[in-house]
Protein backbone atom coordinates (compact mmCIF):
# COMPACT_ATOMS: atom_id res chain seq x y z
CA UNK A 1 10.10 -83.04 10.71
CA UNK A 2 8.08 -85.23 8.56
CA UNK A 3 7.59 -83.78 5.03
CA UNK A 4 3.60 -84.24 5.50
CA UNK A 5 3.68 -82.07 8.47
CA UNK A 6 5.78 -79.21 6.61
CA UNK A 7 3.15 -79.38 3.62
CA UNK A 8 0.50 -79.33 6.16
CA UNK A 9 1.90 -76.18 7.82
CA UNK A 10 2.73 -74.60 4.43
CA UNK A 11 -0.82 -75.11 3.18
CA UNK A 12 -2.26 -74.00 6.60
CA UNK A 13 0.11 -70.87 6.57
CA UNK A 14 -0.97 -70.17 2.71
CA UNK A 15 -4.86 -70.33 3.90
CA UNK A 16 -4.35 -68.04 6.77
CA UNK A 17 -2.53 -65.30 4.68
CA UNK A 18 -5.15 -65.32 1.74
CA UNK A 19 -7.93 -65.38 4.36
CA UNK A 20 -6.44 -62.10 5.71
CA UNK A 21 -6.24 -60.60 2.19
CA UNK A 22 -10.08 -61.23 1.77
CA UNK A 23 -10.71 -59.36 4.89
CA UNK A 24 -8.13 -56.68 4.31
CA UNK A 25 -8.42 -55.78 0.41
CA UNK A 26 -10.45 -53.15 -0.59
CA UNK A 27 -11.05 -54.62 -4.11
CA UNK A 28 -14.14 -56.97 -4.52
CA UNK A 29 -12.26 -58.88 -7.05
CA UNK A 30 -9.01 -59.16 -5.06
CA UNK A 31 -11.17 -60.49 -2.45
CA UNK A 32 -12.59 -62.92 -4.60
CA UNK A 33 -9.11 -64.32 -6.00
CA UNK A 34 -7.93 -64.25 -2.21
CA UNK A 35 -11.01 -66.52 -1.43
CA UNK A 36 -9.79 -68.72 -4.24
CA UNK A 37 -6.79 -69.09 -2.91
CA UNK A 38 -8.05 -69.80 0.40
CA UNK A 39 -10.02 -72.62 -0.82
CA UNK A 40 -7.08 -74.23 -2.70
CA UNK A 41 -5.01 -74.18 0.19
CA UNK A 42 -7.94 -75.65 2.39
CA UNK A 43 -7.91 -78.23 -0.81
CA UNK A 44 -3.81 -78.93 -0.10
CA UNK A 45 -4.55 -79.40 3.59
CA UNK A 46 -7.21 -82.19 2.96
CA UNK A 47 -4.64 -83.62 0.42
CA UNK A 48 -2.07 -83.95 3.08
CA UNK A 49 -4.63 -85.54 5.45
CA UNK A 50 -5.36 -88.24 2.62
CA UNK A 51 -8.63 -87.12 2.20
CA UNK A 52 -8.38 -87.25 -1.39
CA UNK A 53 -12.23 -86.90 -2.33
CA UNK A 54 -12.59 -84.02 -0.01
CA UNK A 55 -9.47 -82.04 -1.76
CA UNK A 56 -11.04 -82.50 -4.94
CA UNK A 57 -14.61 -81.27 -3.94
CA UNK A 58 -13.03 -78.37 -2.52
CA UNK A 59 -11.11 -77.55 -5.88
CA UNK A 60 -14.28 -78.22 -7.98
CA UNK A 61 -17.31 -76.89 -5.67
CA UNK A 62 -15.50 -74.01 -3.70
CA UNK A 63 -12.61 -72.68 -5.74
CA UNK A 64 -14.20 -73.38 -9.04
CA UNK A 65 -17.81 -72.95 -8.62
CA UNK A 66 -18.41 -70.54 -5.63
CA UNK A 67 -15.67 -68.30 -6.54
CA UNK A 68 -17.11 -68.21 -10.07
CA UNK A 69 -20.29 -67.10 -8.67
CA UNK A 70 -18.92 -64.52 -6.40
CA UNK A 71 -17.15 -63.07 -9.73
CA UNK A 72 -20.27 -63.06 -11.49
CA UNK A 73 -21.96 -61.24 -8.86
CA UNK A 74 -19.20 -58.74 -8.37
CA UNK A 75 -19.51 -58.07 -12.29
CA UNK A 76 -22.94 -57.58 -12.38
CA UNK A 77 -23.25 -55.20 -9.09
CA UNK A 78 -23.13 -51.52 -9.71
CA UNK A 79 -20.24 -50.26 -8.00
CA UNK A 80 -20.05 -46.64 -7.21
CA UNK A 81 -17.97 -44.67 -4.60
CA UNK A 82 -16.76 -46.38 -1.64
CA UNK A 83 -18.98 -45.81 1.70
CA UNK A 84 -16.71 -44.76 4.46
CA UNK A 85 -17.56 -45.66 7.95
CA UNK A 86 -17.35 -42.10 9.98
CA UNK A 87 -17.77 -43.79 13.33
CA UNK A 88 -15.15 -44.59 15.93
CA UNK A 89 -12.82 -47.49 14.80
CA UNK A 90 -11.40 -48.41 18.43
CA UNK A 91 -14.61 -50.42 19.70
CA UNK A 92 -14.67 -52.39 16.27
CA UNK A 93 -10.87 -53.11 16.86
CA UNK A 94 -11.20 -54.38 20.53
CA UNK A 95 -13.95 -56.59 19.43
CA UNK A 96 -11.89 -58.24 16.77
CA UNK A 97 -9.46 -58.65 19.34
CA UNK A 98 -11.74 -60.41 21.97
CA UNK A 99 -13.34 -62.68 18.91
CA UNK A 100 -9.46 -63.60 17.97
CA UNK A 101 -8.92 -64.54 21.63
CA UNK A 102 -12.29 -66.30 22.02
CA UNK A 103 -11.76 -68.21 18.56
CA UNK A 104 -8.37 -69.69 19.99
CA UNK A 105 -9.99 -70.49 23.18
CA UNK A 106 -12.45 -72.38 21.28
CA UNK A 107 -10.06 -74.12 19.12
CA UNK A 108 -7.39 -75.26 21.13
CA UNK A 109 -9.40 -78.25 22.96
CA UNK A 110 -10.29 -79.25 19.23
CA UNK A 111 -6.53 -79.48 18.21
CA UNK A 112 -5.71 -81.07 21.38
CA UNK A 113 -8.46 -83.69 20.93
CA UNK A 114 -7.71 -84.10 16.85
CA UNK A 115 -3.91 -85.03 17.64
CA UNK A 116 -5.22 -87.81 20.28
CA UNK A 117 -7.62 -89.53 18.08
CA UNK A 118 -5.39 -89.18 15.11
CA UNK A 119 -3.78 -92.59 15.37
CA UNK A 120 -7.34 -94.41 15.73
CA UNK A 121 -8.74 -93.70 12.33
CA UNK A 122 -9.70 -96.72 10.17
CA UNK A 123 -7.72 -97.84 7.23
CA UNK A 124 -8.74 -96.03 3.84
CA UNK A 125 -10.46 -93.07 6.05
CA UNK A 126 -11.06 -90.26 3.52
CA UNK A 127 -10.80 -92.48 0.52
CA UNK A 128 -13.15 -91.86 -2.50
CA UNK A 129 -14.54 -95.40 -2.34
CA UNK A 130 -15.65 -95.38 1.31
CA UNK A 131 -16.98 -92.02 0.85
CA UNK A 132 -19.03 -92.86 -2.42
CA UNK A 133 -20.04 -96.06 -0.86
CA UNK A 134 -21.77 -94.04 2.10
CA UNK A 135 -22.83 -91.40 -0.23
CA UNK A 136 -24.75 -93.76 -2.42
CA UNK A 137 -26.35 -95.79 0.31
CA UNK A 138 -26.84 -94.44 3.64
CA UNK A 139 -26.89 -90.69 2.53
CA UNK A 140 -28.59 -91.00 -1.15
CA UNK A 141 -31.51 -88.75 -0.30
CA UNK A 142 -29.58 -85.90 1.31
CA UNK A 143 -26.71 -86.27 -1.63
CA UNK A 144 -29.67 -85.90 -4.25
CA UNK A 145 -31.34 -82.86 -2.41
CA UNK A 146 -28.14 -80.89 -2.36
CA UNK A 147 -27.97 -81.92 -6.15
CA UNK A 148 -31.39 -80.39 -6.65
CA UNK A 149 -30.72 -77.23 -4.70
CA UNK A 150 -27.40 -76.53 -6.88
CA UNK A 151 -29.43 -76.88 -9.79
CA UNK A 152 -32.12 -74.68 -8.49
CA UNK A 153 -29.09 -72.05 -7.54
CA UNK A 154 -27.90 -72.26 -11.16
CA UNK A 155 -31.09 -71.64 -13.08
CA UNK A 156 -31.88 -68.62 -10.75
CA UNK A 157 -28.48 -67.12 -11.46
CA UNK A 158 -28.55 -67.67 -15.00
CA UNK A 159 -32.21 -66.06 -15.04
CA UNK A 160 -31.12 -62.97 -12.91
CA UNK A 161 -27.99 -62.30 -14.94
CA UNK A 162 -29.47 -62.59 -18.26
CA UNK A 163 -32.87 -60.98 -18.16
CA UNK A 164 -33.93 -58.14 -20.83
CA UNK A 165 -33.08 -54.80 -19.95
CA UNK A 166 -35.52 -51.99 -21.47
CA UNK A 167 -33.70 -48.95 -22.93
CA UNK A 168 -34.17 -45.91 -20.98
CA UNK A 169 -35.57 -47.23 -18.00
CA UNK A 170 -33.14 -47.69 -14.77
CA UNK A 171 -33.07 -50.57 -12.63
CA UNK A 172 -35.76 -50.74 -10.04
CA UNK A 173 -37.94 -48.05 -11.83
CA UNK A 174 -41.33 -49.19 -12.50
């Protein structure tokens, strides 16, 4: 077996395991850390697939920025007692199994097609030079729009987390 294929399977298994922790963990901070591990595993998959730019963007934007944003949101939220769902859990489990089966049904043909076209990719596919050339020529306007959206989001998060709180008043009270 090729070393690249072994690394691909290791990164994929790591991503799936940490994604399961995201879903099953009870602590919000553990979920955020497991989400960061999922993002890092996906970046490893991109690296094995020779998509270096996507791997770097995955680490910087998602593992770094999005996880830090989730961490700030979790720390600024008021956390009280856990709310327990009193209803029956059997329908939820049955729906989860049906959803997982449907996902396998949808992903199967995609995997078959991906293996079929894997040898037909052009030289340098996923390299930073090719992606950069496309970003700054064909897709310049959408690239700039995403940059403006990220700046606006950063300003909104900073303004929400640094607002003045008046002593003696509870949040939400007039």
